[in-house]
Amino acid sequence: MPPLPKRKTSKGRRDRRRAHDALKARNLVMCSNCGSMRLPHTVCPNCGFYKGREVIEVEKAKSE
């Protein structure tokens, strides 16, 4: 038989071990071109600009 724990792990000890498992909020920054929120060091998905210049061309949605 494999070794087993001699005592039940208490709820307090179990929860203290899981104290760092919570999800953290994403660090969003404002786009300098369009003002929408985006992830840092990434191209803006809304306008396609990065560091003040257009990197990708984004198609505008047609309003019909």
PDB file of N, CA and C in Angstrom:
ATOM      1  N   MET A   1       0.833  -1.194   0.000  1.00  0.00           N
ATOM      2  CA  MET A   1       0.000   0.000   0.000  1.00  0.00           C
ATOM      3  C   MET A   1       0.873   1.251   0.000  1.00  0.00           C
ATOM      4  N   PRO A   2       0.450   2.283  -0.721  1.00  0.00           N
ATOM      5  CA  PRO A   2       1.222   3.529  -0.698  1.00  0.00           C
ATOM      6  C   PRO A   2       1.024   4.252   0.628  1.00  0.00           C
ATOM      7  N   PRO A   3       1.948   5.125   0.971  1.00  0.00           N
ATOM      8  CA  PRO A   3       1.798   5.876   2.232  1.00  0.00           C
ATOM      9  C   PRO A   3       0.623   6.838   2.158  1.00  0.00           C
ATOM     10  N   LEU A   4      -0.106   6.935   3.246  1.00  0.00           N
ATOM     11  CA  LEU A   4      -1.286   7.798   3.315  1.00  0.00           C
ATOM     12  C   LEU A   4      -1.110   8.806   4.440  1.00  0.00           C
ATOM     13  N   PRO A   5      -1.793   9.958   4.362  1.00  0.00           N
ATOM     14  CA  PRO A   5      -1.693  10.931   5.454  1.00  0.00           C
ATOM     15  C   PRO A   5      -2.306  10.377   6.745  1.00  0.00           C
ATOM     16  N   LYS A   6      -1.646  10.644   7.872  1.00  0.00           N
ATOM     17  CA  LYS A   6      -2.148  10.128   9.149  1.00  0.00           C
ATOM     18  C   LYS A   6      -3.361  10.899   9.641  1.00  0.00           C
ATOM     19  N   ARG A   7      -3.449  12.185   9.301  1.00  0.00           N
ATOM     20  CA  ARG A   7      -4.557  13.016   9.772  1.00  0.00           C
ATOM     21  C   ARG A   7      -5.213  13.734   8.596  1.00  0.00           C
ATOM     22  N   LYS A   8      -6.487  14.049   8.755  1.00  0.00           N
ATOM     23  CA  LYS A   8      -7.214  14.815   7.748  1.00  0.00           C
ATOM     24  C   LYS A   8      -6.675  16.249   7.733  1.00  0.00           C
ATOM     25  N   THR A   9      -6.441  16.786   6.532  1.00  0.00           N
ATOM     26  CA  THR A   9      -5.996  18.175   6.407  1.00  0.00           C
ATOM     27  C   THR A   9      -7.164  19.086   6.748  1.00  0.00           C
ATOM     28  N   SER A  10      -6.960  19.994   7.700  1.00  0.00           N
ATOM     29  CA  SER A  10      -8.043  20.866   8.135  1.00  0.00           C
ATOM     30  C   SER A  10      -8.413  21.857   7.037  1.00  0.00           C
ATOM     31  N   LYS A  11      -9.628  22.397   7.138  1.00  0.00           N
ATOM     32  CA  LYS A  11     -10.102  23.349   6.133  1.00  0.00           C
ATOM     33  C   LYS A  11      -9.248  24.607   6.115  1.00  0.00           C
ATOM     34  N   GLY A  12      -8.792  25.032   7.291  1.00  0.00           N
ATOM     35  CA  GLY A  12      -7.957  26.223   7.365  1.00  0.00           C
ATOM     36  C   GLY A  12      -6.619  26.040   6.676  1.00  0.00           C
ATOM     37  N   ARG A  13      -5.991  24.893   6.887  1.00  0.00           N
ATOM     38  CA  ARG A  13      -4.696  24.613   6.259  1.00  0.00           C
ATOM     39  C   ARG A  13      -4.864  24.467   4.752  1.00  0.00           C
ATOM     40  N   ARG A  14      -5.941  23.795   4.338  1.00  0.00           N
ATOM     41  CA  ARG A  14      -6.212  23.619   2.911  1.00  0.00           C
ATOM     42  C   ARG A  14      -6.447  24.975   2.232  1.00  0.00           C
ATOM     43  N   ASP A  15      -7.228  25.845   2.874  1.00  0.00           N
ATOM     44  CA  ASP A  15      -7.539  27.140   2.277  1.00  0.00           C
ATOM     45  C   ASP A  15      -6.341  28.081   2.270  1.00  0.00           C
ATOM     46  N   ARG A  16      -5.463  27.980   3.275  1.00  0.00           N
ATOM     47  CA  ARG A  16      -4.247  28.798   3.262  1.00  0.00           C
ATOM     48  C   ARG A  16      -3.340  28.400   2.109  1.00  0.00           C
ATOM     49  N   ARG A  17      -3.290  27.109   1.786  1.00  0.00           N
ATOM     50  CA  ARG A  17      -2.480  26.641   0.671  1.00  0.00           C
ATOM     51  C   ARG A  17      -3.032  27.173  -0.653  1.00  0.00           C
ATOM     52  N   ARG A  18      -4.350  27.345  -0.733  1.00  0.00           N
ATOM     53  CA  ARG A  18      -4.989  27.814  -1.962  1.00  0.00           C
ATOM     54  C   ARG A  18      -5.137  29.333  -2.014  1.00  0.00           C
ATOM     55  N   ALA A  19      -4.504  30.047  -1.105  1.00  0.00           N
ATOM     56  CA  ALA A  19      -4.670  31.499  -1.019  1.00  0.00           C
ATOM     57  C   ALA A  19      -4.152  32.216  -2.255  1.00  0.00           C
ATOM     58  N   HIS A  20      -3.193  31.632  -2.993  1.00  0.00           N
ATOM     59  CA  HIS A  20      -2.589  32.285  -4.144  1.00  0.00           C
ATOM     60  C   HIS A  20      -3.190  31.818  -5.457  1.00  0.00           C
ATOM     61  N   ASP A  21      -4.236  31.015  -5.404  1.00  0.00           N
ATOM     62  CA  ASP A  21      -4.826  30.453  -6.616  1.00  0.00           C
ATOM     63  C   ASP A  21      -5.881  31.351  -7.255  1.00  0.00           C
ATOM     64  N   ALA A  22      -6.222  32.456  -6.637  1.00  0.00           N
ATOM     65  CA  ALA A  22      -7.266  33.334  -7.160  1.00  0.00           C
ATOM     66  C   ALA A  22      -6.797  34.000  -8.453  1.00  0.00           C
ATOM     67  N   LEU A  23      -7.738  34.245  -9.364  1.00  0.00           N
ATOM     68  CA  LEU A  23      -7.413  34.906 -10.617  1.00  0.00           C
ATOM     69  C   LEU A  23      -7.206  36.394 -10.373  1.00  0.00           C
ATOM     70  N   LYS A  24      -6.221  36.967 -11.047  1.00  0.00           N
ATOM     71  CA  LYS A  24      -5.949  38.396 -10.930  1.00  0.00           C
ATOM     72  C   LYS A  24      -6.576  39.131 -12.103  1.00  0.00           C
ATOM     73  N   ALA A  25      -6.966  40.368 -11.881  1.00  0.00           N
ATOM     74  CA  ALA A  25      -7.545  41.180 -12.947  1.00  0.00           C
ATOM     75  C   ALA A  25      -6.464  41.517 -13.971  1.00  0.00           C
ATOM     76  N   ARG A  26      -6.843  41.584 -15.237  1.00  0.00           N
ATOM     77  CA  ARG A  26      -5.886  41.908 -16.293  1.00  0.00           C
ATOM     78  C   ARG A  26      -5.452  43.355 -16.182  1.00  0.00           C
ATOM     79  N   ASN A  27      -4.181  43.599 -16.477  1.00  0.00           N
ATOM     80  CA  ASN A  27      -3.632  44.945 -16.438  1.00  0.00           C
ATOM     81  C   ASN A  27      -3.874  45.587 -17.804  1.00  0.00           C
ATOM     82  N   LEU A  28      -4.896  46.420 -17.900  1.00  0.00           N
ATOM     83  CA  LEU A  28      -5.242  47.067 -19.160  1.00  0.00           C
ATOM     84  C   LEU A  28      -4.725  48.498 -19.173  1.00  0.00           C
ATOM     85  N   VAL A  29      -4.314  48.965 -20.359  1.00  0.00           N
ATOM     86  CA  VAL A  29      -3.874  50.345 -20.547  1.00  0.00           C
ATOM     87  C   VAL A  29      -4.713  50.972 -21.649  1.00  0.00           C
ATOM     88  N   MET A  30      -4.750  52.288 -21.677  1.00  0.00           N
ATOM     89  CA  MET A  30      -5.533  52.990 -22.678  1.00  0.00           C
ATOM     90  C   MET A  30      -4.723  53.165 -23.965  1.00  0.00           C
ATOM     91  N   CYS A  31      -5.359  52.913 -25.100  1.00  0.00           N
ATOM     92  CA  CYS A  31      -4.718  53.092 -26.397  1.00  0.00           C
ATOM     93  C   CYS A  31      -4.513  54.585 -26.635  1.00  0.00           C
ATOM     94  N   SER A  32      -3.319  54.956 -27.064  1.00  0.00           N
ATOM     95  CA  SER A  32      -3.019  56.373 -27.280  1.00  0.00           C
ATOM     96  C   SER A  32      -3.697  56.922 -28.530  1.00  0.00           C
ATOM     97  N   ASN A  33      -4.120  56.035 -29.438  1.00  0.00           N
ATOM     98  CA  ASN A  33      -4.738  56.489 -30.680  1.00  0.00           C
ATOM     99  C   ASN A  33      -6.259  56.595 -30.562  1.00  0.00           C
ATOM    100  N   CYS A  34      -6.935  55.517 -30.126  1.00  0.00           N
ATOM    101  CA  CYS A  34      -8.398  55.519 -30.116  1.00  0.00           C
ATOM    102  C   CYS A  34      -8.986  55.619 -28.719  1.00  0.00           C
ATOM    103  N   GLY A  35      -8.199  55.374 -27.680  1.00  0.00           N
ATOM    104  CA  GLY A  35      -8.683  55.522 -26.311  1.00  0.00           C
ATOM    105  C   GLY A  35      -9.331  54.280 -25.728  1.00  0.00           C
ATOM    106  N   SER A  36      -9.398  53.189 -26.474  1.00  0.00           N
ATOM    107  CA  SER A  36      -9.991  51.970 -25.928  1.00  0.00           C
ATOM    108  C   SER A  36      -8.966  51.241 -25.063  1.00  0.00           C
ATOM    109  N   MET A  37      -9.454  50.370 -24.198  1.00  0.00           N
ATOM    110  CA  MET A  37      -8.570  49.628 -23.309  1.00  0.00           C
ATOM    111  C   MET A  37      -7.994  48.417 -24.048  1.00  0.00           C
ATOM    112  N   ARG A  38      -6.697  48.180 -23.833  1.00  0.00           N
ATOM    113  CA  ARG A  38      -6.016  47.061 -24.489  1.00  0.00           C
ATOM    114  C   ARG A  38      -4.951  46.526 -23.547  1.00  0.00           C
ATOM    115  N   LEU A  39      -4.399  45.345 -23.868  1.00  0.00           N
ATOM    116  CA  LEU A  39      -3.313  44.781 -23.086  1.00  0.00           C
ATOM    117  C   LEU A  39      -2.018  45.538 -23.393  1.00  0.00           C
ATOM    118  N   PRO A  40      -1.137  45.713 -22.399  1.00  0.00           N
ATOM    119  CA  PRO A  40       0.118  46.406 -22.669  1.00  0.00           C
ATOM    120  C   PRO A  40       1.015  45.587 -23.592  1.00  0.00           C
ATOM    121  N   HIS A  41       1.833  46.274 -24.384  1.00  0.00           N
ATOM    122  CA  HIS A  41       2.797  45.686 -25.319  1.00  0.00           C
ATOM    123  C   HIS A  41       2.123  44.846 -26.395  1.00  0.00           C
ATOM    124  N   THR A  42       0.893  45.186 -26.760  1.00  0.00           N
ATOM    125  CA  THR A  42       0.193  44.486 -27.828  1.00  0.00           C
ATOM    126  C   THR A  42      -0.436  45.509 -28.766  1.00  0.00           C
ATOM    127  N   VAL A  43      -0.709  45.087 -29.993  1.00  0.00           N
ATOM    128  CA  VAL A  43      -1.381  45.942 -30.967  1.00  0.00           C
ATOM    129  C   VAL A  43      -2.815  46.131 -30.520  1.00  0.00           C
ATOM    130  N   CYS A  44      -3.348  47.325 -30.667  1.00  0.00           N
ATOM    131  CA  CYS A  44      -4.734  47.608 -30.287  1.00  0.00           C
ATOM    132  C   CYS A  44      -5.667  46.855 -31.240  1.00  0.00           C
ATOM    133  N   PRO A  45      -6.546  46.003 -30.715  1.00  0.00           N
ATOM    134  CA  PRO A  45      -7.451  45.265 -31.603  1.00  0.00           C
ATOM    135  C   PRO A  45      -8.526  46.149 -32.212  1.00  0.00           C
ATOM    136  N   ASN A  46      -8.743  47.328 -31.640  1.00  0.00           N
ATOM    137  CA  ASN A  46      -9.797  48.220 -32.126  1.00  0.00           C
ATOM    138  C   ASN A  46      -9.332  49.039 -33.326  1.00  0.00           C
ATOM    139  N   CYS A  47      -8.109  49.600 -33.268  1.00  0.00           N
ATOM    140  CA  CYS A  47      -7.649  50.478 -34.350  1.00  0.00           C
ATOM    141  C   CYS A  47      -6.413  49.954 -35.084  1.00  0.00           C
ATOM    142  N   GLY A  48      -5.685  48.977 -34.522  1.00  0.00           N
ATOM    143  CA  GLY A  48      -4.520  48.401 -35.189  1.00  0.00           C
ATOM    144  C   GLY A  48      -3.238  49.186 -35.014  1.00  0.00           C
ATOM    145  N   PHE A  49      -3.198  50.138 -34.081  1.00  0.00           N
ATOM    146  CA  PHE A  49      -2.012  50.949 -33.857  1.00  0.00           C
ATOM    147  C   PHE A  49      -1.174  50.370 -32.716  1.00  0.00           C
ATOM    148  N   TYR A  50       0.149  50.560 -32.810  1.00  0.00           N
ATOM    149  CA  TYR A  50       1.078  50.183 -31.750  1.00  0.00           C
ATOM    150  C   TYR A  50       2.231  51.170 -31.763  1.00  0.00           C
ATOM    151  N   LYS A  51       2.507  51.780 -30.623  1.00  0.00           N
ATOM    152  CA  LYS A  51       3.562  52.792 -30.461  1.00  0.00           C
ATOM    153  C   LYS A  51       3.425  53.926 -31.464  1.00  0.00           C
ATOM    154  N   GLY A  52       2.187  54.385 -31.673  1.00  0.00           N
ATOM    155  CA  GLY A  52       1.945  55.555 -32.505  1.00  0.00           C
ATOM    156  C   GLY A  52       1.930  55.323 -33.999  1.00  0.00           C
ATOM    157  N   ARG A  53       2.052  54.091 -34.455  1.00  0.00           N
ATOM    158  CA  ARG A  53       1.990  53.851 -35.897  1.00  0.00           C
ATOM    159  C   ARG A  53       1.073  52.660 -36.168  1.00  0.00           C
ATOM    160  N   GLU A  54       0.501  52.635 -37.377  1.00  0.00           N
ATOM    161  CA  GLU A  54      -0.437  51.581 -37.732  1.00  0.00           C
ATOM    162  C   GLU A  54       0.336  50.317 -38.099  1.00  0.00           C
ATOM    163  N   VAL A  55       0.076  49.245 -37.400  1.00  0.00           N
ATOM    164  CA  VAL A  55       0.780  47.990 -37.606  1.00  0.00           C
ATOM    165  C   VAL A  55      -0.076  47.030 -38.437  1.00  0.00           C
ATOM    166  N   ILE A  56      -1.349  46.937 -38.101  1.00  0.00           N
ATOM    167  CA  ILE A  56      -2.259  46.091 -38.870  1.00  0.00           C
ATOM    168  C   ILE A  56      -3.437  46.940 -39.330  1.00  0.00           C
ATOM    169  N   GLU A  57      -4.025  46.526 -40.438  1.00  0.00           N
ATOM    170  CA  GLU A  57      -5.170  47.252 -40.975  1.00  0.00           C
ATOM    171  C   GLU A  57      -6.439  46.577 -40.471  1.00  0.00           C
ATOM    172  N   VAL A  58      -7.280  47.342 -39.777  1.00  0.00           N
ATOM    173  CA  VAL A  58      -8.502  46.804 -39.188  1.00  0.00           C
ATOM    174  C   VAL A  58      -9.683  47.244 -40.028  1.00  0.00           C
ATOM    175  N   GLU A  59     -10.529  46.270 -40.401  1.00  0.00           N
ATOM    176  CA  GLU A  59     -11.706  46.604 -41.196  1.00  0.00           C
ATOM    177  C   GLU A  59     -12.768  47.215 -40.300  1.00  0.00           C
ATOM    178  N   LYS A  60     -13.423  48.257 -40.761  1.00  0.00           N
ATOM    179  CA  LYS A  60     -14.496  48.898 -40.012  1.00  0.00           C
ATOM    180  C   LYS A  60     -15.782  48.109 -40.235  1.00  0.00           C
ATOM    181  N   ALA A  61     -16.591  47.973 -39.184  1.00  0.00           N
ATOM    182  CA  ALA A  61     -17.861  47.246 -39.295  1.00  0.00           C
ATOM    183  C   ALA A  61     -18.865  48.088 -40.083  1.00  0.00           C
ATOM    184  N   LYS A  62     -19.579  47.443 -41.004  1.00  0.00           N
ATOM    185  CA  LYS A  62     -20.553  48.158 -41.812  1.00  0.00           C
ATOM    186  C   LYS A  62     -21.847  48.310 -41.023  1.00  0.00           C
ATOM    187  N   SER A  63     -22.386  49.514 -40.955  1.00  0.00           N
ATOM    188  CA  SER A  63     -23.659  49.750 -40.278  1.00  0.00           C
ATOM    189  C   SER A  63     -24.746  49.908 -41.336  1.00  0.00           C
ATOM    190  N   GLU A  64     -25.603  48.900 -41.412  1.00  0.00           N
ATOM    191  CA  GLU A  64     -26.672  48.903 -42.403  1.00  0.00           C
ATOM    192  C   GLU A  64     -28.023  48.965 -41.752  1.00  0.00           C
TER     193      GLU A  64
END
